[in-house]
Amino acid sequence: MNAFQKVLGGAVLALVLAGGLAAPAMAQKLDNKKNPPATTTAVTGDIDFGDDSSPWANDGECDDPRFEGSGSAAELVDSDILKDATDCRAAFAAGTVTLVEGGAAATSAADIDFGDDSGQWTNDRECDDPRFAGTGSASELVDDDILKDATDCRAAYEAGTVQFVGDGDTPDVTEADIDFGDDSSEWANDGECDDPRFEGSGTAAELVDDDILKDATDCQAAYNTGTVTFVGDGDTPAATAEDIDFGDNSSEWANDGECDDPRFQGTGSAAELVDADILKDANDCQSAYDLGTVTFVGDSADIDYGDNTSEWANDGECDDPRFSGSGVASELLDADMGHDADDCRAAVEAGTATFGGSATSLASTAAFDYGSDWSKWANDGECDDLRFQGPGTDKKLMTDDMYGDATDCRTLEEAGQVSIRMVYSPEYAAGAPYDSSHIEFGDNKSSYANDDQCDDPRFEGPDAASVLLDSDEYHDANDCKAAYEAGTVILSSEAE
């Protein structure tokens, strides 16, 4: 922002406050208007001003774009919403800014449908409904919690720690939607964003594809301050939209705003994905891919990639003999089976390698595979891999983060703060087959029966479906019986 404008704005506001002038009259002179600003029915207690985390906080101007008037900064960006509390509260009290129409969403709690308390995270004193924003919101918000955390959100709204933003006021891409990657670029932590998925004054002058997903700290800082925007091209550097066959729109769920093709993963994917929709939701999936809210993973979701202990790990080629394709090394050794995880995962996701082995072929012989640190929540001091349990795990564990938070989970396990859930341990899988005669599996009336995944919510494990519905209890007998006997699912009641 223009420094002179900021100094002038601060001086004007100081004169207004110090001189005891009638603020509306002063604003009239400053704005050269014939009429004073329109009065507002809101009072300060009705408004959640947020905090002072904006880089422009406490500069004498209100930088929150929910306000307008002579006390507002000349340049306003959405990233400063709820982040300039002291300035905006003072300007509002002085009458030099007013809350713009829609800025306060609803005038009272009675106008809002808070829903019910059917979410998984209810009554934990955080609002988990993503229709709300503010200091009283949970740090991680998912669409599945819309209208499902009524008590917490109502309490936070009435306390003024969240505001209702609804379904239409949130940006298409938020910070939580973006995988910033890691800091493995040669140019990481130099104060410039070197990832070419971003553009703006905070980016480096020269950008190369090799730095995609490799300058996380710089790019996240620049994104938060509004000096870069996310333009994306998908999160996988080697695969572009032109390389992917998106198929057609013959799915029952095509054109519903969610990507239903299970070859894609991310926040833009539908909650429930079935193989029948492969190549059948082209418009939704291409839109989400271009926006960066899904990535193309091909058929890699069920592959046990192993670890990176091969002599040839992280050399840009997949050295695991279970794979084939242009991204695979020309010379392959059995000793490298399951030991070049990062290279092989990258090649599969880029479409340059195909997995030819069994997804569980290493389970009985390999040590536990902690994975790597590709999750957006990696190295945050909490274990985000749902294969673990204990006080050191994050509040919300997502299937997308499995194998993606190795350092945190390994460290916390060594400290005794987390433990591997029994069904995910190699020892448990090696003990198969298991006797299932004591279990009443029910029938096969589920619409997801016989899809080789256990959809009965009484079970958990590697072969349990990622989305489990109460309506499928006792209705996926064949899948759950086979998986239980193979040691890939267990009754949740037996898991402790």
Protein backbone atom coordinates (compact mmCIF):
# COMPACT_ATOMS: atom_id res chain seq x y z
CA MET A 1 0.00 0.00 0.00
CA ASN A 2 1.12 3.56 -0.65
CA ALA A 3 3.05 4.68 2.40
CA PHE A 4 1.98 8.32 2.03
CA GLN A 5 -1.65 7.32 1.88
CA LYS A 6 -1.25 5.22 5.01
CA VAL A 7 0.47 8.01 6.95
CA LEU A 8 -2.11 10.56 5.80
CA GLY A 9 -4.99 8.23 6.68
CA GLY A 10 -3.55 7.62 10.14
CA ALA A 11 -3.01 11.34 10.74
CA VAL A 12 -6.56 12.18 9.70
CA LEU A 13 -8.01 9.55 12.01
CA ALA A 14 -5.82 10.80 14.87
CA LEU A 15 -7.08 14.36 14.32
CA VAL A 16 -10.65 13.17 14.36
CA LEU A 17 -10.20 11.29 17.62
CA ALA A 18 -8.01 13.87 19.36
CA GLY A 19 -9.96 16.95 18.31
CA GLY A 20 -13.34 15.61 19.31
CA LEU A 21 -14.78 16.62 15.94
CA ALA A 22 -18.08 15.21 14.84
CA ALA A 23 -16.85 12.22 12.86
CA PRO A 24 -19.61 12.18 10.23
CA ALA A 25 -19.06 15.88 9.51
CA MET A 26 -15.31 15.43 9.18
CA ALA A 27 -15.85 12.45 6.88
CA GLN A 28 -18.16 14.68 4.81
CA LYS A 29 -15.37 17.21 4.27
CA LEU A 30 -12.73 14.63 3.56
CA ASP A 31 -14.83 12.79 1.02
CA ASN A 32 -16.18 16.04 -0.52
CA LYS A 33 -19.71 14.69 -0.23
CA LYS A 34 -22.93 16.66 0.18
CA ASN A 35 -24.41 14.25 2.68
CA PRO A 36 -22.90 12.56 5.72
CA PRO A 37 -22.27 8.81 5.57
CA ALA A 38 -25.28 6.59 5.97
CA THR A 39 -25.80 5.55 9.56
CA THR A 40 -25.64 1.90 10.46
CA THR A 41 -27.90 0.01 12.82
CA ALA A 42 -25.06 -2.24 13.92
CA VAL A 43 -23.29 -1.63 17.19
CA THR A 44 -19.75 -2.59 18.00
CA GLY A 45 -20.87 -5.55 20.10
CA ASP A 46 -22.60 -7.09 17.05
CA ILE A 47 -19.42 -7.22 14.97
CA ASP A 48 -16.61 -9.75 15.07
CA PHE A 49 -13.61 -7.52 14.34
CA GLY A 50 -11.24 -10.50 14.42
CA ASP A 51 -7.60 -9.98 15.41
CA ASP A 52 -4.54 -7.90 14.44
CA SER A 53 -2.70 -10.46 12.30
CA SER A 54 -2.74 -8.37 9.10
CA PRO A 55 0.66 -6.94 8.05
CA TRP A 56 -1.17 -3.58 7.98
CA ALA A 57 -2.67 -3.83 11.47
CA ASN A 58 -2.33 -0.84 13.81
CA ASP A 59 -1.41 1.62 11.05
CA GLY A 60 -4.41 3.92 11.66
CA GLU A 61 -6.41 2.65 8.68
CA CYS A 62 -9.01 -0.10 8.52
CA ASP A 63 -7.76 -2.75 6.06
CA ASP A 64 -10.66 -5.19 6.45
CA PRO A 65 -12.68 -5.10 3.17
CA ARG A 66 -15.91 -5.73 5.08
CA PHE A 67 -15.82 -1.98 5.93
CA GLU A 68 -15.93 1.14 3.77
CA GLY A 69 -15.53 4.85 4.36
CA SER A 70 -12.87 7.51 4.72
CA GLY A 71 -11.18 5.47 7.47
CA SER A 72 -10.58 2.53 5.13
CA ALA A 73 -7.28 1.92 3.37
CA ALA A 74 -7.12 2.76 -0.33
CA GLU A 75 -6.29 -0.84 -1.22
CA LEU A 76 -8.26 -3.70 0.34
CA VAL A 77 -7.66 -7.43 -0.09
CA ASP A 78 -9.72 -10.41 1.10
CA SER A 79 -6.74 -11.84 2.98
CA ASP A 80 -7.21 -9.01 5.54
CA ILE A 81 -10.79 -10.01 6.45
CA LEU A 82 -11.00 -10.27 10.27
CA LYS A 83 -7.31 -9.28 10.61
CA ASP A 84 -7.26 -5.55 11.45
CA ALA A 85 -9.39 -5.43 14.56
CA THR A 86 -7.95 -2.44 16.46
CA ASP A 87 -7.95 -0.08 13.47
CA CYS A 88 -11.39 -1.09 12.25
CA ARG A 89 -12.98 -0.99 15.70
CA ALA A 90 -11.59 2.53 16.27
CA ALA A 91 -12.71 3.75 12.84
CA PHE A 92 -16.15 2.22 13.27
CA ALA A 93 -16.54 3.88 16.67
CA ALA A 94 -15.39 7.19 15.16
CA GLY A 95 -17.89 6.88 12.32
CA THR A 96 -15.26 6.95 9.57
CA VAL A 97 -16.14 3.45 8.36
CA THR A 98 -19.39 1.52 8.12
CA LEU A 99 -20.01 -2.17 7.69
CA VAL A 100 -20.79 -2.83 4.03
CA GLU A 101 -23.94 -4.67 3.09
CA GLY A 102 -23.39 -8.38 3.60
CA GLY A 103 -20.32 -7.83 5.77
CA ALA A 104 -22.05 -9.00 8.91
CA ALA A 105 -24.09 -11.74 7.19
CA ALA A 106 -26.97 -12.22 9.64
CA THR A 107 -28.05 -9.70 12.27
CA SER A 108 -28.96 -12.28 14.88
CA ALA A 109 -28.54 -15.96 15.62
CA ALA A 110 -32.26 -16.42 14.93
CA ASP A 111 -31.64 -15.73 11.23
CA ILE A 112 -29.16 -18.61 10.87
CA ASP A 113 -29.91 -22.30 10.44
CA PHE A 114 -27.21 -23.80 12.66
CA GLY A 115 -28.32 -27.36 11.87
CA ASP A 116 -27.80 -30.11 14.44
CA ASP A 117 -25.02 -31.81 16.43
CA SER A 118 -24.60 -34.87 14.21
CA GLY A 119 -20.97 -34.13 13.28
CA GLN A 120 -18.01 -36.08 14.61
CA TRP A 121 -16.50 -33.00 16.30
CA THR A 122 -19.53 -31.55 18.12
CA ASN A 123 -19.40 -30.01 21.59
CA ASP A 124 -15.63 -29.52 21.60
CA ARG A 125 -15.92 -25.71 21.96
CA GLU A 126 -14.76 -25.09 18.39
CA CYS A 127 -17.05 -24.33 15.45
CA ASP A 128 -16.40 -26.95 12.77
CA ASP A 129 -19.01 -25.74 10.26
CA PRO A 130 -17.12 -24.17 7.29
CA ARG A 131 -19.96 -21.66 6.77
CA PHE A 132 -18.43 -19.73 9.68
CA ALA A 133 -15.08 -17.93 9.96
CA GLY A 134 -13.23 -16.33 12.83
CA THR A 135 -11.08 -17.06 15.84
CA GLY A 136 -13.67 -19.46 17.24
CA SER A 137 -13.49 -21.76 14.20
CA ALA A 138 -11.55 -25.02 14.16
CA SER A 139 -8.23 -24.85 12.31
CA GLU A 140 -9.35 -27.56 9.89
CA LEU A 141 -12.78 -27.30 8.24
CA VAL A 142 -14.43 -29.81 5.90
CA ASP A 143 -17.70 -29.64 3.98
CA ASP A 144 -18.93 -32.79 5.71
CA ASP A 145 -19.47 -30.69 8.85
CA ILE A 146 -21.83 -28.15 7.23
CA LEU A 147 -24.94 -27.85 9.45
CA LYS A 148 -23.54 -30.46 11.87
CA ASP A 149 -21.97 -28.50 14.76
CA ALA A 150 -24.89 -26.38 15.93
CA THR A 151 -24.13 -25.95 19.64
CA ASP A 152 -20.48 -24.95 19.18
CA CYS A 153 -21.16 -22.61 16.25
CA ARG A 154 -24.14 -20.93 17.91
CA ALA A 155 -22.09 -20.31 21.06
CA ALA A 156 -19.16 -18.91 19.07
CA TYR A 157 -21.45 -16.74 16.95
CA GLU A 158 -23.20 -15.28 20.01
CA ALA A 159 -19.80 -14.70 21.64
CA GLY A 160 -18.64 -12.82 18.54
CA THR A 161 -15.70 -15.16 17.81
CA VAL A 162 -17.07 -16.29 14.43
CA GLN A 163 -19.12 -14.63 11.71
CA PHE A 164 -21.46 -16.33 9.27
CA VAL A 165 -20.03 -16.26 5.75
CA GLY A 166 -22.45 -18.72 4.19
CA ASP A 167 -21.83 -20.89 1.17
CA GLY A 168 -21.25 -18.14 -1.37
CA ASP A 169 -18.81 -15.77 0.33
CA THR A 170 -15.84 -18.09 0.67
CA PRO A 171 -13.19 -17.91 -2.06
CA ASP A 172 -12.91 -20.75 -4.58
CA VAL A 173 -9.46 -21.60 -3.25
CA THR A 174 -8.51 -21.10 0.39
CA GLU A 175 -5.20 -21.66 2.12
CA ALA A 176 -6.51 -24.99 3.45
CA ASP A 177 -7.20 -26.17 -0.13
CA ILE A 178 -3.61 -25.66 -1.29
CA ASP A 179 -0.83 -28.21 -0.92
CA PHE A 180 2.20 -25.95 -0.50
CA GLY A 181 4.57 -28.92 -0.54
CA ASP A 182 7.93 -28.74 1.24
CA ASP A 183 11.12 -26.63 1.30
CA SER A 184 13.34 -28.83 -0.86
CA SER A 185 13.94 -26.19 -3.56
CA GLU A 186 17.43 -24.73 -3.89
CA TRP A 187 15.73 -21.34 -3.48
CA ALA A 188 13.57 -22.15 -0.45
CA ASN A 189 13.43 -19.66 2.42
CA ASP A 190 14.86 -16.76 0.42
CA GLY A 191 11.81 -14.52 0.92
CA GLU A 192 10.43 -15.09 -2.59
CA CYS A 193 7.92 -17.67 -3.77
CA ASP A 194 9.61 -19.84 -6.41
CA ASP A 195 6.70 -22.22 -7.08
CA PRO A 196 5.29 -21.45 -10.59
CA ARG A 197 1.77 -22.38 -9.43
CA PHE A 198 1.67 -18.89 -7.87
CA GLU A 199 1.85 -15.42 -9.39
CA GLY A 200 2.10 -11.89 -8.04
CA SER A 201 4.61 -9.40 -6.68
CA GLY A 202 5.85 -11.93 -4.11
CA THR A 203 7.07 -14.44 -6.69
CA ALA A 204 10.63 -14.73 -7.96
CA ALA A 205 11.47 -13.19 -11.35
CA GLU A 206 12.35 -16.60 -12.80
CA LEU A 207 10.15 -19.63 -12.18
CA VAL A 208 10.83 -23.23 -13.24
CA ASP A 209 8.67 -26.36 -13.02
CA ASP A 210 11.34 -28.08 -10.93
CA ASP A 211 10.28 -25.87 -8.01
CA ILE A 212 6.61 -26.94 -8.04
CA LEU A 213 5.65 -27.94 -4.48
CA LYS A 214 9.20 -27.16 -3.23
CA ASP A 215 9.06 -23.66 -1.70
CA ALA A 216 6.33 -24.06 0.90
CA THR A 217 7.38 -21.56 3.59
CA ASP A 218 7.98 -18.67 1.19
CA CYS A 219 4.85 -19.29 -0.86
CA GLN A 220 2.55 -19.77 2.13
CA ALA A 221 3.84 -16.56 3.72
CA ALA A 222 3.34 -14.64 0.47
CA TYR A 223 -0.12 -16.13 -0.02
CA ASN A 224 -1.16 -15.12 3.50
CA THR A 225 0.03 -11.53 2.97
CA GLY A 226 -1.76 -11.30 -0.39
CA THR A 227 1.39 -10.76 -2.52
CA VAL A 228 0.76 -13.95 -4.51
CA THR A 229 -2.34 -15.75 -5.70
CA PHE A 230 -2.70 -19.45 -6.48
CA VAL A 231 -3.16 -20.06 -10.19
CA GLY A 232 -2.30 -23.78 -10.14
CA ASP A 233 -2.02 -26.27 -12.94
CA GLY A 234 -2.62 -29.25 -10.72
CA ASP A 235 -0.28 -30.26 -7.94
CA THR A 236 1.74 -32.77 -9.96
CA PRO A 237 4.46 -31.23 -12.10
CA ALA A 238 4.88 -34.01 -14.66
CA ALA A 239 1.19 -34.44 -15.50
CA THR A 240 -0.70 -31.60 -17.17
CA ALA A 241 -4.37 -31.43 -18.09
CA GLU A 242 -3.38 -32.24 -21.68
CA ASP A 243 -1.77 -35.51 -20.53
CA ILE A 244 -4.90 -36.77 -18.76
CA ASP A 245 -7.86 -38.51 -20.35
CA PHE A 246 -10.75 -37.03 -18.35
CA GLY A 247 -13.27 -39.19 -20.20
CA ASP A 248 -16.90 -38.11 -20.60
CA ASN A 249 -19.84 -36.97 -18.46
CA SER A 250 -21.86 -40.18 -18.34
CA SER A 251 -21.70 -40.57 -14.55
CA GLU A 252 -24.94 -40.19 -12.61
CA TRP A 253 -23.10 -37.52 -10.59
CA ALA A 254 -21.58 -35.58 -13.50
CA ASN A 255 -21.78 -31.77 -13.41
CA ASP A 256 -22.62 -31.56 -9.71
CA GLY A 257 -19.56 -29.47 -8.83
CA GLU A 258 -17.59 -32.37 -7.32
CA CYS A 259 -15.09 -34.68 -9.01
CA ASP A 260 -16.46 -38.24 -8.74
CA ASP A 261 -13.66 -40.01 -10.65
CA PRO A 262 -11.60 -42.01 -8.09
CA ARG A 263 -8.42 -41.42 -10.13
CA PHE A 264 -8.37 -37.95 -8.53
CA GLN A 265 -7.92 -36.94 -4.88
CA GLY A 266 -8.26 -33.68 -2.99
CA THR A 267 -10.73 -31.27 -1.45
CA GLY A 268 -12.60 -31.03 -4.76
CA SER A 269 -13.37 -34.77 -4.78
CA ALA A 270 -16.72 -36.22 -3.77
CA ALA A 271 -16.88 -37.85 -0.34
CA GLU A 272 -17.80 -41.21 -1.87
CA LEU A 273 -15.89 -42.52 -4.88
CA VAL A 274 -16.62 -45.72 -6.81
CA ASP A 275 -14.76 -47.38 -9.69
CA ALA A 276 -17.89 -47.21 -11.81
CA ASP A 277 -17.28 -43.45 -12.19
CA ILE A 278 -13.75 -43.76 -13.62
CA LEU A 279 -13.54 -41.61 -16.79
CA LYS A 280 -17.17 -40.50 -16.37
CA ASP A 281 -17.08 -37.07 -14.69
CA ALA A 282 -14.91 -35.08 -17.08
CA ASN A 283 -16.21 -31.53 -16.60
CA ASP A 284 -16.15 -31.58 -12.80
CA CYS A 285 -12.75 -33.27 -12.58
CA GLN A 286 -11.07 -31.06 -15.16
CA SER A 287 -12.41 -27.92 -13.46
CA ALA A 288 -11.18 -29.11 -10.06
CA TYR A 289 -7.81 -30.15 -11.52
CA ASP A 290 -7.32 -26.75 -13.20
CA LEU A 291 -8.27 -25.05 -9.92
CA GLY A 292 -5.80 -27.17 -7.96
CA THR A 293 -8.37 -28.71 -5.60
CA VAL A 294 -7.69 -32.26 -6.89
CA THR A 295 -4.57 -34.05 -8.10
CA PHE A 296 -4.36 -36.94 -10.54
CA VAL A 297 -3.23 -40.06 -8.69
CA GLY A 298 -4.24 -42.68 -11.24
CA ASP A 299 -4.72 -46.04 -9.60
CA SER A 300 -2.05 -45.44 -6.95
CA ALA A 301 -4.21 -45.05 -3.84
CA ASP A 302 -3.94 -48.72 -2.75
CA ILE A 303 -0.25 -49.26 -3.50
CA ASP A 304 2.19 -49.98 -0.69
CA TYR A 305 5.21 -48.06 -1.98
CA GLY A 306 7.42 -49.10 0.89
CA ASP A 307 10.30 -46.82 1.96
CA ASN A 308 13.30 -44.96 0.53
CA THR A 309 16.15 -47.21 1.66
CA SER A 310 17.31 -48.17 -1.85
CA GLU A 311 20.76 -46.97 -2.91
CA TRP A 312 18.96 -45.38 -5.88
CA ALA A 313 16.13 -43.72 -3.97
CA ASN A 314 15.25 -40.11 -4.85
CA ASP A 315 17.20 -40.10 -8.13
CA GLY A 316 14.20 -39.23 -10.28
CA GLU A 317 13.64 -42.79 -11.52
CA CYS A 318 11.55 -45.58 -10.06
CA ASP A 319 13.87 -48.48 -9.19
CA ASP A 320 11.24 -50.86 -7.80
CA PRO A 321 10.87 -53.93 -10.09
CA ARG A 322 7.13 -54.10 -9.36
CA PHE A 323 6.67 -51.11 -11.70
CA SER A 324 7.07 -50.62 -15.44
CA GLY A 325 7.02 -47.64 -17.81
CA SER A 326 9.09 -44.75 -19.08
CA GLY A 327 9.62 -43.43 -15.54
CA VAL A 328 11.21 -46.70 -14.40
CA ALA A 329 14.98 -47.33 -14.40
CA SER A 330 16.36 -49.57 -17.16
CA GLU A 331 18.10 -51.87 -14.68
CA LEU A 332 16.03 -53.27 -11.83
CA LEU A 333 17.05 -55.42 -8.84
CA ASP A 334 14.85 -57.52 -6.57
CA ALA A 335 16.68 -55.96 -3.62
CA ASP A 336 15.02 -52.63 -4.45
CA MET A 337 11.48 -54.00 -4.25
CA GLY A 338 9.53 -51.71 -1.92
CA HIS A 339 12.52 -49.41 -1.33
CA ASP A 340 12.12 -46.46 -3.74
CA ALA A 341 8.81 -45.05 -2.53
CA ASP A 342 9.05 -41.35 -3.44
CA ASP A 343 10.34 -41.89 -6.96
CA CYS A 344 7.80 -44.59 -7.78
CA ARG A 345 4.87 -42.67 -6.30
CA ALA A 346 5.81 -39.59 -8.33
CA ALA A 347 6.10 -41.66 -11.51
CA VAL A 348 2.72 -43.35 -11.01
CA GLU A 349 1.01 -40.02 -10.30
CA ALA A 350 2.68 -38.52 -13.38
CA GLY A 351 1.48 -41.43 -15.52
CA THR A 352 5.01 -42.62 -16.39
CA ALA A 353 4.91 -45.84 -14.33
CA THR A 354 2.37 -48.63 -13.85
CA PHE A 355 2.16 -50.89 -10.81
CA GLY A 356 2.24 -54.58 -11.69
CA GLY A 357 2.47 -56.26 -8.29
CA SER A 358 0.05 -56.93 -5.46
CA ALA A 359 -0.96 -53.92 -3.34
CA THR A 360 -0.37 -55.97 -0.18
CA SER A 361 2.59 -58.05 -1.33
CA LEU A 362 4.94 -56.49 1.24
CA ALA A 363 2.61 -56.63 4.19
CA SER A 364 3.80 -59.93 5.61
CA THR A 365 7.55 -59.34 5.21
CA ALA A 366 8.19 -55.59 5.46
CA ALA A 367 8.61 -53.49 8.54
CA PHE A 368 5.94 -50.90 9.19
CA ASP A 369 5.94 -48.30 6.39
CA TYR A 370 5.78 -44.82 7.94
CA GLY A 371 5.67 -43.25 4.46
CA SER A 372 7.13 -39.77 3.98
CA ASP A 373 6.33 -36.13 4.76
CA TRP A 374 4.17 -35.10 1.81
CA SER A 375 1.02 -34.26 3.84
CA LYS A 376 0.26 -30.54 4.13
CA TRP A 377 0.15 -31.14 7.89
CA ALA A 378 3.55 -32.84 8.07
CA ASN A 379 6.04 -31.60 10.67
CA ASP A 380 3.42 -29.72 12.70
CA GLY A 381 4.09 -31.70 15.89
CA GLU A 382 0.96 -33.87 15.57
CA CYS A 383 0.53 -37.25 13.90
CA ASP A 384 -1.98 -36.84 11.05
CA ASP A 385 -1.88 -40.45 9.78
CA LEU A 386 -5.11 -42.26 10.69
CA ARG A 387 -3.19 -45.54 11.06
CA PHE A 388 -2.15 -44.24 14.50
CA GLN A 389 -4.01 -43.61 17.73
CA GLY A 390 -3.22 -41.81 20.96
CA PRO A 391 -3.03 -38.31 22.46
CA GLY A 392 -0.41 -37.22 19.92
CA THR A 393 -2.73 -37.64 16.94
CA ASP A 394 -4.52 -34.71 15.33
CA LYS A 395 -8.18 -34.11 16.08
CA LYS A 396 -9.22 -34.85 12.50
CA LEU A 397 -7.58 -37.72 10.65
CA MET A 398 -8.18 -37.97 6.90
CA THR A 399 -7.59 -40.92 4.57
CA ASP A 400 -5.74 -38.51 2.23
CA ASP A 401 -2.96 -38.15 4.85
CA MET A 402 -2.15 -41.84 5.24
CA TYR A 403 1.60 -42.41 4.74
CA GLY A 404 2.10 -38.62 4.57
CA ASP A 405 3.28 -37.60 8.06
CA ALA A 406 6.19 -39.94 8.74
CA THR A 407 8.46 -37.76 10.89
CA ASP A 408 5.72 -36.60 13.27
CA CYS A 409 4.23 -40.08 13.70
CA ARG A 410 7.56 -41.84 14.14
CA THR A 411 8.77 -39.24 16.67
CA LEU A 412 5.55 -39.33 18.67
CA GLU A 413 5.50 -43.13 18.63
CA GLU A 414 9.04 -43.19 20.07
CA ALA A 415 7.87 -40.74 22.74
CA GLY A 416 4.94 -42.98 23.64
CA GLN A 417 2.34 -40.43 22.49
CA VAL A 418 0.93 -42.52 19.63
CA SER A 419 0.77 -46.20 18.71
CA ILE A 420 0.04 -48.06 15.49
CA ARG A 421 -3.55 -49.25 15.27
CA MET A 422 -3.38 -53.04 15.43
CA VAL A 423 -4.96 -53.75 12.06
CA TYR A 424 -2.35 -51.62 10.25
CA SER A 425 0.66 -53.42 11.73
CA PRO A 426 2.58 -55.86 9.50
CA GLU A 427 2.42 -58.39 12.31
CA TYR A 428 -1.37 -58.44 12.24
CA ALA A 429 -1.54 -58.95 8.47
CA ALA A 430 1.09 -61.72 8.75
CA GLY A 431 -1.13 -63.56 11.24
CA ALA A 432 -3.90 -64.19 8.67
CA PRO A 433 -6.13 -66.03 8.05
CA TYR A 434 -8.36 -65.15 11.01
CA ASP A 435 -11.43 -67.04 12.25
CA SER A 436 -14.61 -65.03 11.56
CA SER A 437 -17.13 -67.56 12.87
CA HIS A 438 -18.02 -65.36 15.87
CA ILE A 439 -19.14 -62.43 13.70
CA GLU A 440 -22.62 -61.84 12.29
CA PHE A 441 -21.80 -60.26 8.92
CA GLY A 442 -25.42 -59.87 7.77
CA ASP A 443 -26.30 -59.70 4.08
CA ASN A 444 -25.17 -58.00 0.86
CA LYS A 445 -27.93 -55.41 0.45
CA SER A 446 -25.56 -52.41 0.47
CA SER A 447 -25.30 -50.63 -2.87
CA TYR A 448 -21.53 -50.96 -2.38
CA ALA A 449 -21.56 -54.71 -1.70
CA ASN A 450 -19.07 -56.89 -3.60
CA ASP A 451 -16.75 -54.00 -4.53
CA ASP A 452 -13.76 -55.55 -2.67
CA GLN A 453 -13.97 -52.98 0.12
CA CYS A 454 -15.70 -53.45 3.46
CA ASP A 455 -18.45 -50.81 3.73
CA ASP A 456 -19.85 -51.92 7.09
CA PRO A 457 -19.08 -49.10 9.60
CA ARG A 458 -18.42 -51.66 12.37
CA PHE A 459 -15.04 -52.41 10.76
CA GLU A 460 -11.80 -50.49 10.26
CA GLY A 461 -8.55 -51.18 8.44
CA PRO A 462 -6.74 -50.90 5.08
CA ASP A 463 -9.59 -52.57 3.17
CA ALA A 464 -12.39 -50.60 4.85
CA ALA A 465 -14.07 -48.00 2.61
CA SER A 466 -12.93 -44.43 3.19
CA VAL A 467 -16.54 -43.30 3.68
CA LEU A 468 -18.70 -45.48 5.94
CA LEU A 469 -22.46 -45.06 6.27
CA ASP A 470 -24.64 -46.24 9.15
CA SER A 471 -27.11 -47.55 6.58
CA ASP A 472 -24.52 -50.14 5.42
CA GLU A 473 -24.20 -51.79 8.84
CA TYR A 474 -24.65 -55.57 8.43
CA HIS A 475 -25.15 -55.14 4.66
CA ASP A 476 -21.74 -55.89 3.07
CA ALA A 477 -21.18 -59.44 4.27
CA ASN A 478 -19.01 -60.91 1.50
CA ASP A 479 -16.51 -58.04 1.35
CA CYS A 480 -16.18 -57.68 5.11
CA LYS A 481 -15.89 -61.41 5.77
CA ALA A 482 -13.11 -61.79 3.16
CA ALA A 483 -11.23 -58.75 4.46
CA TYR A 484 -11.57 -59.81 8.10
CA GLU A 485 -10.19 -63.28 7.41
CA ALA A 486 -7.34 -61.76 5.37
CA GLY A 487 -6.39 -59.47 8.26
CA THR A 488 -7.11 -56.23 6.38
CA VAL A 489 -10.06 -55.15 8.53
CA ILE A 490 -10.99 -55.71 12.14
CA LEU A 491 -14.09 -55.01 14.21
CA SER A 492 -13.60 -51.60 15.81
CA SER A 493 -14.68 -53.16 19.10
CA GLU A 494 -11.70 -55.54 18.85
CA ALA A 495 -9.19 -52.92 17.80
CA GLU A 496 -8.18 -51.61 21.23
